[in-house]
Amino acid sequence: MRTITRIKELSLLPLNWEKLDRSKILIVGASGLIGSAFAHTLLTNPNLKCEIYVMGRSFDRLKTIFGEYIGNENFHIIEHDIVNPLSCAENFDYIVDCASNANPANFNQKPVETILTNVLGVQNLLDYSKTHGLKRFLFVSSGEVYGETGGENCNEEADGYIDILNPRGCYPLSKRLSENLCISYVDEYNLDVVIARPCHIFGPNFLDTDDRAYAQFLRKAAHGEDIELNSPGLLKRSWCYIIDCVSGLLYILLNGASSNAYNISDIAMTIRDFAEAVAIGAGVKVKFNIPKDLNPPIISQGILDSTKLRSLGWKPCGDIILNIKECISDMTSIDK
């Protein structure tokens, strides 16, 4: 699989990997798109001598994803739901929190659980951190924290509108609160925290239950089926391939300034253009099935400015079309 090869190649990034040597690193939400790719990146780095702990709610799912590492004395699986306090005795040096209920269907069906997973999860991890000598906490937030900004490109200082009386606001508002909770722990307990705000990330390793637009497009394309759009698809979003997202997280973890947030984004394109790029990559078509009672989106534009992250030395690699083709190819090989 080409994606795995490129994950291994991230070990060549000009970063101060020595910071992680002989460290214990906990990756929370390790069964998700971002968490699993981040964990694989560390596990496949031949020059990195550290212990990797992957945490998620399902041991079986983690075992399926990371089965090849079971038996490795430097690899550990922890089954735990972070809405509950951590009870493990390990003194982790770094925690990378990728856990989140990022499935839009859950925003509508389970807004309470979405809020609690984000806020209580971060609180429990920070409470653990303040008593176990953590070196750095990396919180993976979301570009949705910016809300509605009127179509302007969002740098890290942007502050848009989110309707607090709309249950769909459960995700961006709880991410905002989680970020503030992180900074409050820095202020009150002197923790070292950095924050990542990814845009729309795509890759082949998403969960079967993921119903986000990109996942639906790629799933259809990998099976040779036409892509169906349930809206005109004219909203512009920032997109980034999972490989570039992981490299961005590494730059933030190792080079980022404490108490700072960094956008992770590559290219801006409409949802329709992204769907058509996926269709081209798979040799299928895009069809439209727009319902008459279509609800307007909570955010009309979502374009993130990654200048701040690029100032740390990060830059995305590869062409968006080639990345999409690589993604589809990997998904097809998995199905076989």
Foldseek 3Di string as FASTA:
>chain_A
DVLLVLLLVLLVPPFPLVVQAQFEEEEEPCLALQNVSLQSSQVNNPVHHYAYEYEEQDPVSVCVSPVVCPVPPRYYYDHDQLLDADDDPDQGQEYEYPDAPPALVCLVVPLPVRLSSLASSLVRVLVSCLPRVHNEYEYEAALCLLFAQPADADEQVHHHDFPPPDSSCSRSVSSVVSLVVQVVCCVPRVHFYEYEHEWAEDFQSHDPPRPPQRVQLLVCLLVVHAAEDQDPQQAKTFYAYSSLVSSLSVLCGRPNHGSYYFYRGADIDTRVVLSVLLCVLRVHHYHYDHDPPDDDDRYRYRHYDRPVSVVSVGDGDDDPSVSSNVRSVVNNVVVD
